[in-house]
Amino acid sequence: MQSNSECIDYNAGTTVADAQTGCSILHGTYSAGACDPSSSAGGCRQVFGNGIIQTTWYYSPITADAVMATCVADANATYVAP
C-alpha cells in the first residue's frame, strides 16, 4: 500500500520553532517554503484557539473525496480546494 504525501502550511503568526517542533512530532522535514497546493487533492484547514491556522495539503494517491472525508472526521477541519 502506497502512503499519501502531505505538506502542512502554517499562518504567518506561527513561529519557526513551533513549525519545526510540529514537523519533529510528525516525523517530517521542516522547510521554510510554502506548500504547493496546485498539485494536491485538497487540504484540511484547522483554526486553533491560540490563533494558529494550519492547512494540511494531501497529494496522490489520495483523492479529493478521501481528503474531504478526512476533514469531516476531524471536527475542527474544513476542506480547502487546491
Protein backbone atom coordinates (compact mmCIF):
# COMPACT_ATOMS: atom_id res chain seq x y z
CA MET A 1 0.00 0.00 0.00
CA GLN A 2 1.38 3.38 -1.01
CA SER A 3 1.22 6.13 1.58
CA ASN A 4 -0.07 9.61 0.89
CA SER A 5 2.23 12.60 0.86
CA GLU A 6 1.32 15.60 2.98
CA CYS A 7 2.57 19.14 3.40
CA ILE A 8 1.49 21.42 6.23
CA ASP A 9 1.27 25.21 5.89
CA TYR A 10 1.05 27.44 8.97
CA ASN A 11 -0.18 31.03 9.08
CA ALA A 12 2.20 33.96 9.49
CA GLY A 13 1.59 34.05 13.25
CA THR A 14 3.32 30.71 13.76
CA THR A 15 6.93 30.82 14.90
CA VAL A 16 9.63 28.86 13.13
CA ALA A 17 10.28 27.00 16.38
CA ASP A 18 6.61 25.93 16.59
CA ALA A 19 6.62 24.74 12.97
CA GLN A 20 9.88 22.83 13.47
CA THR A 21 8.50 21.21 16.62
CA GLY A 22 5.35 20.17 14.77
CA CYS A 23 7.43 18.60 12.00
CA SER A 24 9.54 16.76 14.51
CA ILE A 25 6.47 15.36 16.29
CA LEU A 26 5.04 14.19 12.95
CA HIS A 27 8.41 12.74 11.86
CA GLY A 28 8.52 15.20 8.97
CA THR A 29 11.06 17.56 7.50
CA TYR A 30 10.87 21.31 8.07
CA SER A 31 11.07 23.64 5.08
CA ALA A 32 10.83 27.42 5.10
CA GLY A 33 8.98 27.33 1.79
CA ALA A 34 5.23 27.14 1.38
CA CYS A 35 3.43 24.01 0.18
CA ASP A 36 2.28 23.82 -3.45
CA PRO A 37 -1.45 23.16 -3.26
CA SER A 38 -1.92 23.26 -7.07
CA SER A 39 -0.88 19.61 -7.43
CA SER A 40 -2.75 18.43 -4.34
CA ALA A 41 -6.09 16.65 -3.96
CA GLY A 42 -7.07 19.36 -1.48
CA GLY A 43 -6.42 20.20 2.12
CA CYS A 44 -7.87 20.34 5.60
CA ARG A 45 -7.71 23.73 7.31
CA GLN A 46 -7.78 23.90 11.10
CA VAL A 47 -8.06 27.02 13.25
CA PHE A 48 -6.78 26.68 16.80
CA GLY A 49 -7.73 28.78 19.82
CA ASN A 50 -4.28 30.35 20.00
CA GLY A 51 -4.74 31.90 16.55
CA ILE A 52 -2.69 29.35 14.63
CA ILE A 53 -4.14 28.31 11.28
CA GLN A 54 -2.81 25.06 9.86
CA THR A 55 -3.60 23.68 6.41
CA THR A 56 -2.58 20.10 5.67
CA TRP A 57 -2.36 19.51 1.90
CA TYR A 58 -2.69 15.93 0.65
CA TYR A 59 -1.09 14.56 -2.51
CA SER A 60 -1.53 11.48 -4.70
CA PRO A 61 -2.62 8.76 -4.45
CA ILE A 62 -5.37 10.15 -2.15
CA THR A 63 -8.47 11.53 -3.87
CA ALA A 64 -10.36 14.76 -3.20
CA ASP A 65 -13.27 12.69 -1.81
CA ALA A 66 -10.92 10.98 0.65
CA VAL A 67 -9.47 14.33 1.72
CA MET A 68 -12.99 15.66 2.31
CA ALA A 69 -13.76 12.60 4.45
CA THR A 70 -10.55 13.18 6.42
CA CYS A 71 -11.60 16.77 7.10
CA VAL A 72 -15.08 15.70 8.20
CA ALA A 73 -13.58 13.10 10.56
CA ASP A 74 -11.75 15.91 12.34
CA ALA A 75 -14.50 18.13 13.72
CA ASN A 76 -12.15 21.13 13.65
CA ALA A 77 -11.18 20.91 9.97
CA THR A 78 -12.64 22.41 6.80
CA TYR A 79 -11.92 21.13 3.29
CA VAL A 80 -9.95 23.54 1.09
CA ALA A 81 -9.80 23.01 -2.68
CA PRO A 82 -6.39 23.25 -4.35
